[in-house]
PDB file of all heavy atoms in Angstrom:
ATOM      1  N   CYS A   1      71.538 101.901  70.240  1.00  0.00           N
ATOM      2  CA  CYS A   1      71.809 102.969  69.273  1.00  0.00           C
ATOM      3  C   CYS A   1      71.957 104.329  69.951  1.00  0.00           C
ATOM      4  O   CYS A   1      72.133 105.341  69.285  1.00  0.00           O
ATOM      5  CB  CYS A   1      70.709 103.028  68.224  1.00  0.00           C
ATOM      6  SG  CYS A   1      69.068 103.298  68.897  1.00  0.00           S
ATOM      7  N   VAL A   2      71.877 104.395  71.271  1.00  0.00           N
ATOM      8  CA  VAL A   2      72.100 105.586  72.088  1.00  0.00           C
ATOM      9  C   VAL A   2      71.135 106.726  71.744  1.00  0.00           C
ATOM     10  O   VAL A   2      71.486 107.890  71.834  1.00  0.00           O
ATOM     11  CB  VAL A   2      73.579 106.069  72.014  1.00  0.00           C
ATOM     12  CG1 VAL A   2      73.894 107.032  73.145  1.00  0.00           C
ATOM     13  CG2 VAL A   2      74.532 104.910  72.085  1.00  0.00           C
ATOM     14  N   SER A   3      69.911 106.392  71.331  1.00  0.00           N
ATOM     15  CA  SER A   3      68.933 107.456  71.102  1.00  0.00           C
ATOM     16  C   SER A   3      68.349 107.863  72.448  1.00  0.00           C
ATOM     17  O   SER A   3      68.194 107.046  73.351  1.00  0.00           O
ATOM     18  CB  SER A   3      67.822 106.990  70.167  1.00  0.00           C
ATOM     19  OG  SER A   3      66.930 106.140  70.832  1.00  0.00           O
ATOM     20  N   SER A   4      68.018 109.135  72.581  1.00  0.00           N
ATOM     21  CA  SER A   4      67.519 109.624  73.870  1.00  0.00           C
ATOM     22  C   SER A   4      66.112 109.106  74.167  1.00  0.00           C
ATOM     23  O   SER A   4      65.726 108.990  75.318  1.00  0.00           O
ATOM     24  CB  SER A   4      67.524 111.146  73.884  1.00  0.00           C
ATOM     25  OG  SER A   4      66.700 111.650  72.855  1.00  0.00           O
ATOM     26  N   SER A   5      65.341 108.762  73.123  1.00  0.00           N
ATOM     27  CA  SER A   5      63.970 108.306  73.351  1.00  0.00           C
ATOM     28  C   SER A   5      63.866 106.788  73.501  1.00  0.00           C
ATOM     29  O   SER A   5      62.789 106.276  73.778  1.00  0.00           O
ATOM     30  CB  SER A   5      63.080 108.767  72.206  1.00  0.00           C
ATOM     31  OG  SER A   5      63.535 108.216  70.983  1.00  0.00           O
ATOM     32  N   ARG A   6      64.934 106.050  73.285  1.00  0.00           N
ATOM     33  CA  ARG A   6      64.988 104.592  73.412  1.00  0.00           C
ATOM     34  C   ARG A   6      63.974 103.898  72.499  1.00  0.00           C
ATOM     35  O   ARG A   6      62.783 103.948  72.714  1.00  0.00           O
ATOM     36  CB  ARG A   6      64.753 104.128  74.851  1.00  0.00           C
ATOM     37  CG  ARG A   6      65.750 104.661  75.836  1.00  0.00           C
ATOM     38  CD  ARG A   6      66.945 103.742  75.934  1.00  0.00           C
ATOM     39  NE  ARG A   6      67.791 104.175  77.032  1.00  0.00           N
ATOM     40  CZ  ARG A   6      69.003 104.648  76.866  1.00  0.00           C
ATOM     41  NH1 ARG A   6      69.512 104.745  75.681  1.00  0.00           N
ATOM     42  NH2 ARG A   6      69.697 105.023  77.895  1.00  0.00           N
ATOM     43  N   CYS A   7      64.465 103.223  71.486  1.00  0.00           N
ATOM     44  CA  CYS A   7      63.598 102.529  70.542  1.00  0.00           C
ATOM     45  C   CYS A   7      62.924 101.323  71.204  1.00  0.00           C
ATOM     46  O   CYS A   7      63.261 100.945  72.322  1.00  0.00           O
ATOM     47  CB  CYS A   7      64.414 102.094  69.324  1.00  0.00           C
ATOM     48  SG  CYS A   7      65.710 100.914  69.702  1.00  0.00           S
ATOM     49  N   LYS A   8      61.991 100.710  70.507  1.00  0.00           N
ATOM     50  CA  LYS A   8      61.224  99.580  71.055  1.00  0.00           C
ATOM     51  C   LYS A   8      62.086  98.353  71.316  1.00  0.00           C
ATOM     52  O   LYS A   8      61.778  97.560  72.181  1.00  0.00           O
ATOM     53  CB  LYS A   8      60.100  99.188  70.080  1.00  0.00           C
ATOM     54  CG  LYS A   8      59.075 100.267  69.868  1.00  0.00           C
ATOM     55  CD  LYS A   8      58.147 100.355  71.016  1.00  0.00           C
ATOM     56  CE  LYS A   8      57.054 101.366  70.743  1.00  0.00           C
ATOM     57  NZ  LYS A   8      56.331 101.729  71.913  1.00  0.00           N
ATOM     58  N   ARG A   9      63.153  98.167  70.558  1.00  0.00           N
ATOM     59  CA  ARG A   9      64.000  96.987  70.705  1.00  0.00           C
ATOM     60  C   ARG A   9      65.304  97.278  71.422  1.00  0.00           C
ATOM     61  O   ARG A   9      66.236  96.486  71.366  1.00  0.00           O
ATOM     62  CB  ARG A   9      64.304  96.410  69.319  1.00  0.00           C
ATOM     63  CG  ARG A   9      63.078  95.830  68.645  1.00  0.00           C
ATOM     64  CD  ARG A   9      63.371  95.312  67.263  1.00  0.00           C
ATOM     65  NE  ARG A   9      64.523  94.432  67.256  1.00  0.00           N
ATOM     66  CZ  ARG A   9      65.433  94.418  66.283  1.00  0.00           C
ATOM     67  NH1 ARG A   9      65.360  95.224  65.284  1.00  0.00           N
ATOM     68  NH2 ARG A   9      66.436  93.582  66.339  1.00  0.00           N
ATOM     69  N   CYS A  10      65.385  98.403  72.109  1.00  0.00           N
ATOM     70  CA  CYS A  10      66.608  98.791  72.811  1.00  0.00           C
ATOM     71  C   CYS A  10      66.900  97.792  73.933  1.00  0.00           C
ATOM     72  O   CYS A  10      66.047  97.541  74.788  1.00  0.00           O
ATOM     73  CB  CYS A  10      66.461 100.190  73.386  1.00  0.00           C
ATOM     74  SG  CYS A  10      67.913 100.743  74.275  1.00  0.00           S
ATOM     75  N   PRO A  11      68.101  97.200  73.956  1.00  0.00           N
ATOM     76  CA  PRO A  11      68.411  96.215  75.005  1.00  0.00           C
ATOM     77  C   PRO A  11      68.415  96.826  76.409  1.00  0.00           C
ATOM     78  O   PRO A  11      68.033  96.159  77.371  1.00  0.00           O
ATOM     79  CB  PRO A  11      69.786  95.686  74.621  1.00  0.00           C
ATOM     80  CG  PRO A  11      70.355  96.674  73.674  1.00  0.00           C
ATOM     81  CD  PRO A  11      69.209  97.348  73.014  1.00  0.00           C
ATOM     82  N   ILE A  12      68.785  98.101  76.529  1.00  0.00           N
ATOM     83  CA  ILE A  12      68.803  98.754  77.843  1.00  0.00           C
ATOM     84  C   ILE A  12      67.381  98.933  78.364  1.00  0.00           C
ATOM     85  O   ILE A  12      67.095  98.655  79.526  1.00  0.00           O
ATOM     86  CB  ILE A  12      69.536 100.108  77.767  1.00  0.00           C
ATOM     87  CG1 ILE A  12      71.010  99.878  77.438  1.00  0.00           C
ATOM     88  CG2 ILE A  12      69.402 100.880  79.065  1.00  0.00           C
ATOM     89  CD1 ILE A  12      71.783 101.136  77.157  1.00  0.00           C
ATOM     90  N   ARG A  13      66.472  99.366  77.487  1.00  0.00           N
ATOM     91  CA  ARG A  13      65.075  99.543  77.885  1.00  0.00           C
ATOM     92  C   ARG A  13      64.442  98.203  78.229  1.00  0.00           C
ATOM     93  O   ARG A  13      63.739  98.071  79.228  1.00  0.00           O
ATOM     94  CB  ARG A  13      64.284 100.220  76.758  1.00  0.00           C
ATOM     95  CG  ARG A  13      62.842 100.524  77.137  1.00  0.00           C
ATOM     96  CD  ARG A  13      62.022 100.968  75.951  1.00  0.00           C
ATOM     97  NE  ARG A  13      61.975  99.966  74.899  1.00  0.00           N
ATOM     98  CZ  ARG A  13      61.200  98.880  74.915  1.00  0.00           C
ATOM     99  NH1 ARG A  13      60.420  98.646  75.939  1.00  0.00           N
ATOM    100  NH2 ARG A  13      61.211  98.028  73.930  1.00  0.00           N
ATOM    101  N   MET A  14      64.723  97.168  77.423  1.00  0.00           N
ATOM    102  CA  MET A  14      64.155  95.850  77.679  1.00  0.00           C
ATOM    103  C   MET A  14      64.673  95.261  78.987  1.00  0.00           C
ATOM    104  O   MET A  14      63.935  94.595  79.705  1.00  0.00           O
ATOM    105  CB  MET A  14      64.448  94.907  76.512  1.00  0.00           C
ATOM    106  CG  MET A  14      63.702  95.295  75.251  1.00  0.00           C
ATOM    107  SD  MET A  14      64.052  94.219  73.871  1.00  0.00           S
ATOM    108  CE  MET A  14      62.978  92.844  74.246  1.00  0.00           C
ATOM    109  N   LEU A  15      65.938  95.517  79.326  1.00  0.00           N
ATOM    110  CA  LEU A  15      66.504  95.050  80.591  1.00  0.00           C
ATOM    111  C   LEU A  15      65.803  95.728  81.755  1.00  0.00           C
ATOM    112  O   LEU A  15      65.439  95.073  82.739  1.00  0.00           O
ATOM    113  CB  LEU A  15      68.007  95.326  80.630  1.00  0.00           C
ATOM    114  CG  LEU A  15      68.739  94.923  81.899  1.00  0.00           C
ATOM    115  CD1 LEU A  15      68.749  93.407  82.035  1.00  0.00           C
ATOM    116  CD2 LEU A  15      70.152  95.447  81.889  1.00  0.00           C
ATOM    117  N   LYS A  16      65.573  97.031  81.638  1.00  0.00           N
ATOM    118  CA  LYS A  16      64.927  97.784  82.712  1.00  0.00           C
ATOM    119  C   LYS A  16      63.485  97.332  82.923  1.00  0.00           C
ATOM    120  O   LYS A  16      63.020  97.192  84.046  1.00  0.00           O
ATOM    121  CB  LYS A  16      64.964  99.281  82.382  1.00  0.00           C
ATOM    122  CG  LYS A  16      64.411 100.148  83.472  1.00  0.00           C
ATOM    123  CD  LYS A  16      64.538 101.609  83.122  1.00  0.00           C
ATOM    124  CE  LYS A  16      63.956 102.475  84.231  1.00  0.00           C
ATOM    125  NZ  LYS A  16      64.024 103.894  83.899  1.00  0.00           N
ATOM    126  N   GLU A  17      62.769  97.064  81.823  1.00  0.00           N
ATOM    127  CA  GLU A  17      61.369  96.635  81.907  1.00  0.00           C
ATOM    128  C   GLU A  17      61.227  95.162  82.278  1.00  0.00           C
ATOM    129  O   GLU A  17      60.153  94.719  82.639  1.00  0.00           O
ATOM    130  CB  GLU A  17      60.668  96.873  80.575  1.00  0.00           C
ATOM    131  CG  GLU A  17      60.474  98.317  80.240  1.00  0.00           C
ATOM    132  CD  GLU A  17      59.813  98.515  78.897  1.00  0.00           C
ATOM    133  OE1 GLU A  17      59.673  97.533  78.126  1.00  0.00           O
ATOM    134  OE2 GLU A  17      59.434  99.665  78.609  1.00  0.00           O
ATOM    135  N   GLY A  18      62.299  94.404  82.129  1.00  0.00           N
ATOM    136  CA  GLY A  18      62.234  92.978  82.440  1.00  0.00           C
ATOM    137  C   GLY A  18      61.730  92.143  81.277  1.00  0.00           C
ATOM    138  O   GLY A  18      61.305  91.017  81.465  1.00  0.00           O
ATOM    139  N   THR A  19      61.774  92.677  80.041  1.00  0.00           N
ATOM    140  CA  THR A  19      61.294  91.943  78.880  1.00  0.00           C
ATOM    141  C   THR A  19      62.428  91.335  78.060  1.00  0.00           C
ATOM    142  O   THR A  19      62.188  90.808  76.987  1.00  0.00           O
ATOM    143  CB  THR A  19      60.446  92.862  77.974  1.00  0.00           C
ATOM    144  OG1 THR A  19      61.237  93.995  77.591  1.00  0.00           O
ATOM    145  CG2 THR A  19      59.189  93.325  78.668  1.00  0.00           C
ATOM    146  N   LEU A  20      63.636  91.398  78.583  1.00  0.00           N
ATOM    147  CA  LEU A  20      64.785  90.803  77.907  1.00  0.00           C
ATOM    148  C   LEU A  20      64.645  89.283  77.979  1.00  0.00           C
ATOM    149  O   LEU A  20      64.264  88.742  79.015  1.00  0.00           O
ATOM    150  CB  LEU A  20      66.063  91.251  78.615  1.00  0.00           C
ATOM    151  CG  LEU A  20      67.352  91.307  77.819  1.00  0.00           C
ATOM    152  CD1 LEU A  20      67.238  92.239  76.635  1.00  0.00           C
ATOM    153  CD2 LEU A  20      68.483  91.757  78.700  1.00  0.00           C
ATOM    154  N   PRO A  21      64.924  88.553  76.875  1.00  0.00           N
ATOM    155  CA  PRO A  21      64.791  87.090  76.908  1.00  0.00           C
ATOM    156  C   PRO A  21      65.706  86.459  77.955  1.00  0.00           C
ATOM    157  O   PRO A  21      66.771  87.007  78.259  1.00  0.00           O
ATOM    158  CB  PRO A  21      65.228  86.659  75.501  1.00  0.00           C
ATOM    159  CG  PRO A  21      65.157  87.866  74.664  1.00  0.00           C
ATOM    160  CD  PRO A  21      65.334  89.041  75.564  1.00  0.00           C
ATOM    161  N   PRO A  22      65.310  85.326  78.529  1.00  0.00           N
ATOM    162  CA  PRO A  22      66.160  84.673  79.528  1.00  0.00           C
ATOM    163  C   PRO A  22      67.491  84.248  78.913  1.00  0.00           C
ATOM    164  O   PRO A  22      67.549  83.822  77.763  1.00  0.00           O
ATOM    165  CB  PRO A  22      65.350  83.460  79.971  1.00  0.00           C
ATOM    166  CG  PRO A  22      64.247  83.317  79.007  1.00  0.00           C
ATOM    167  CD  PRO A  22      64.074  84.608  78.295  1.00  0.00           C
ATOM    168  N   GLY A  23      68.556  84.381  79.687  1.00  0.00           N
ATOM    169  CA  GLY A  23      69.879  84.006  79.218  1.00  0.00           C
ATOM    170  C   GLY A  23      70.657  85.157  78.597  1.00  0.00           C
ATOM    171  O   GLY A  23      71.737  84.971  78.084  1.00  0.00           O
ATOM    172  N   TYR A  24      70.077  86.369  78.626  1.00  0.00           N
ATOM    173  CA  TYR A  24      70.740  87.540  78.059  1.00  0.00           C
ATOM    174  C   TYR A  24      70.846  88.648  79.095  1.00  0.00           C
ATOM    175  O   TYR A  24      70.031  88.725  79.997  1.00  0.00           O
ATOM    176  CB  TYR A  24      69.959  88.090  76.852  1.00  0.00           C
ATOM    177  CG  TYR A  24      70.040  87.227  75.633  1.00  0.00           C
ATOM    178  CD1 TYR A  24      69.050  86.288  75.367  1.00  0.00           C
ATOM    179  CD2 TYR A  24      71.092  87.336  74.739  1.00  0.00           C
ATOM    180  CE1 TYR A  24      69.117  85.491  74.242  1.00  0.00           C
ATOM    181  CE2 TYR A  24      71.174  86.543  73.612  1.00  0.00           C
ATOM    182  CZ  TYR A  24      70.177  85.622  73.367  1.00  0.00           C
ATOM    183  OH  TYR A  24      70.256  84.836  72.256  1.00  0.00           O
ATOM    184  N   THR A  25      71.856  89.495  78.923  1.00  0.00           N
ATOM    185  CA  THR A  25      72.011  90.691  79.740  1.00  0.00           C
ATOM    186  C   THR A  25      72.682  91.749  78.885  1.00  0.00           C
ATOM    187  O   THR A  25      73.031  91.504  77.736  1.00  0.00           O
ATOM    188  CB  THR A  25      72.810  90.413  81.025  1.00  0.00           C
ATOM    189  OG1 THR A  25      72.727  91.544  81.871  1.00  0.00           O
ATOM    190  CG2 THR A  25      74.271  90.120  80.736  1.00  0.00           C
ATOM    191  N   VAL A  26      72.866  92.951  79.443  1.00  0.00           N
ATOM    192  CA  VAL A  26      73.478  94.051  78.710  1.00  0.00           C
ATOM    193  C   VAL A  26      74.728  94.490  79.457  1.00  0.00           C
ATOM    194  O   VAL A  26      74.685  94.737  80.652  1.00  0.00           O
ATOM    195  CB  VAL A  26      72.495  95.241  78.576  1.00  0.00           C
ATOM    196  CG1 VAL A  26      73.149  96.395  77.846  1.00  0.00           C
ATOM    197  CG2 VAL A  26      71.225  94.808  77.892  1.00  0.00           C
ATOM    198  N   LYS A  27      75.835  94.561  78.731  1.00  0.00           N
ATOM    199  CA  LYS A  27      77.096  95.053  79.293  1.00  0.00           C
ATOM    200  C   LYS A  27      77.707  96.022  78.296  1.00  0.00           C
ATOM    201  O   LYS A  27      77.872  95.677  77.125  1.00  0.00           O
ATOM    202  CB  LYS A  27      78.066  93.903  79.550  1.00  0.00           C
ATOM    203  CG  LYS A  27      77.625  93.007  80.692  1.00  0.00           C
ATOM    204  CD  LYS A  27      78.679  91.979  81.020  1.00  0.00           C
ATOM    205  CE  LYS A  27      78.188  91.090  82.152  1.00  0.00           C
ATOM    206  NZ  LYS A  27      79.145  90.052  82.471  1.00  0.00           N
ATOM    207  N   LYS A  28      78.024  97.222  78.766  1.00  0.00           N
ATOM    208  CA  LYS A  28      78.617  98.275  77.932  1.00  0.00           C
ATOM    209  C   LYS A  28      77.786  98.534  76.681  1.00  0.00           C
ATOM    210  O   LYS A  28      78.311  98.625  75.581  1.00  0.00           O
ATOM    211  CB  LYS A  28      80.055  97.918  77.563  1.00  0.00           C
ATOM    212  CG  LYS A  28      80.960  97.838  78.761  1.00  0.00           C
ATOM    213  CD  LYS A  28      82.394  97.602  78.350  1.00  0.00           C
ATOM    214  CE  LYS A  28      83.268  97.519  79.584  1.00  0.00           C
ATOM    215  NZ  LYS A  28      84.671  97.278  79.236  1.00  0.00           N
ATOM    216  N   ARG A  29      76.450  98.638  76.863  1.00  0.00           N
ATOM    217  CA  ARG A  29      75.489  98.918  75.793  1.00  0.00           C
ATOM    218  C   ARG A  29      75.396  97.838  74.725  1.00  0.00           C
ATOM    219  O   ARG A  29      74.854  98.049  73.657  1.00  0.00           O
ATOM    220  CB  ARG A  29      75.774 100.266  75.127  1.00  0.00           C
ATOM    221  CG  ARG A  29      75.598 101.442  76.034  1.00  0.00           C
ATOM    222  CD  ARG A  29      75.662 102.728  75.247  1.00  0.00           C
ATOM    223  NE  ARG A  29      75.513 103.871  76.111  1.00  0.00           N
ATOM    224  CZ  ARG A  29      74.351 104.420  76.443  1.00  0.00           C
ATOM    225  NH1 ARG A  29      73.246 103.931  75.967  1.00  0.00           N
ATOM    226  NH2 ARG A  29      74.301 105.449  77.235  1.00  0.00           N
ATOM    227  N   ARG A  30      75.922  96.661  75.003  1.00  0.00           N
ATOM    228  CA  ARG A  30      75.840  95.545  74.055  1.00  0.00           C
ATOM    229  C   ARG A  30      75.107  94.370  74.692  1.00  0.00           C
ATOM    230  O   ARG A  30      75.239  94.113  75.881  1.00  0.00           O
ATOM    231  CB  ARG A  30      77.234  95.085  73.629  1.00  0.00           C
ATOM    232  CG  ARG A  30      77.957  96.100  72.794  1.00  0.00           C
ATOM    233  CD  ARG A  30      79.261  95.558  72.274  1.00  0.00           C
ATOM    234  NE  ARG A  30      79.953  96.571  71.499  1.00  0.00           N
ATOM    235  CZ  ARG A  30      79.873  96.660  70.170  1.00  0.00           C
ATOM    236  NH1 ARG A  30      79.148  95.814  69.494  1.00  0.00           N
ATOM    237  NH2 ARG A  30      80.524  97.607  69.536  1.00  0.00           N
ATOM    238  N   LEU A  31      74.365  93.656  73.866  1.00  0.00           N
ATOM    239  CA  LEU A  31      73.637  92.478  74.312  1.00  0.00           C
ATOM    240  C   LEU A  31      74.620  91.315  74.409  1.00  0.00           C
ATOM    241  O   LEU A  31      75.358  91.041  73.473  1.00  0.00           O
ATOM    242  CB  LEU A  31      72.539  92.154  73.296  1.00  0.00           C
ATOM    243  CG  LEU A  31      71.583  91.042  73.656  1.00  0.00           C
ATOM    244  CD1 LEU A  31      70.673  91.480  74.790  1.00  0.00           C
ATOM    245  CD2 LEU A  31      70.757  90.659  72.455  1.00  0.00           C
ATOM    246  N   VAL A  32      74.659  90.650  75.559  1.00  0.00           N
ATOM    247  CA  VAL A  32      75.556  89.506  75.741  1.00  0.00           C
ATOM    248  C   VAL A  32      74.774  88.323  76.289  1.00  0.00           C
ATOM    249  O   VAL A  32      73.788  88.482  76.998  1.00  0.00           O
ATOM    250  CB  VAL A  32      76.741  89.824  76.690  1.00  0.00           C
ATOM    251  CG1 VAL A  32      77.675  90.824  76.060  1.00  0.00           C
ATOM    252  CG2 VAL A  32      76.268  90.298  78.028  1.00  0.00           C
ATOM    253  N   LYS A  33      75.210  87.125  75.919  1.00  0.00           N
ATOM    254  CA  LYS A  33      74.568  85.906  76.382  1.00  0.00           C
ATOM    255  C   LYS A  33      75.244  85.456  77.670  1.00  0.00           C
ATOM    256  O   LYS A  33      76.467  85.471  77.772  1.00  0.00           O
ATOM    257  CB  LYS A  33      74.686  84.824  75.322  1.00  0.00           C
ATOM    258  CG  LYS A  33      73.875  83.607  75.622  1.00  0.00           C
ATOM    259  CD  LYS A  33      73.468  82.923  74.346  1.00  0.00           C
ATOM    260  CE  LYS A  33      72.669  81.701  74.694  1.00  0.00           C
ATOM    261  NZ  LYS A  33      71.322  81.771  74.242  1.00  0.00           N
ATOM    262  N   ILE A  34      74.443  85.052  78.639  1.00  0.00           N
ATOM    263  CA  ILE A  34      74.947  84.594  79.932  1.00  0.00           C
ATOM    264  C   ILE A  34      75.140  83.089  79.870  1.00  0.00           C
ATOM    265  O   ILE A  34      74.281  82.356  79.393  1.00  0.00           O
ATOM    266  CB  ILE A  34      73.944  84.914  81.067  1.00  0.00           C
ATOM    267  CG1 ILE A  34      73.686  86.395  81.160  1.00  0.00           C
ATOM    268  CG2 ILE A  34      74.447  84.380  82.388  1.00  0.00           C
ATOM    269  CD1 ILE A  34      72.562  86.731  82.118  1.00  0.00           C
ATOM    270  N   GLU A  35      76.288  82.641  80.356  1.00  0.00           N
ATOM    271  CA  GLU A  35      76.520  81.200  80.469  1.00  0.00           C
ATOM    272  C   GLU A  35      75.941  80.728  81.792  1.00  0.00           C
ATOM    273  O   GLU A  35      76.194  81.321  82.831  1.00  0.00           O
ATOM    274  CB  GLU A  35      78.008  80.882  80.454  1.00  0.00           C
ATOM    275  CG  GLU A  35      78.641  80.959  79.102  1.00  0.00           C
ATOM    276  CD  GLU A  35      80.076  80.481  79.140  1.00  0.00           C
ATOM    277  OE1 GLU A  35      80.401  79.596  79.961  1.00  0.00           O
ATOM    278  OE2 GLU A  35      80.860  81.008  78.352  1.00  0.00           O
TER     279      GLU A  35
END
């Protein structure tokens, strides 16, 4: 959602912290599934 404070469910913040579920990544601010 491009908020400056980053919400709790932000995919960018979760990727940085390493809490993103396995099989997912972030590309162009969108959550994408990895094959």
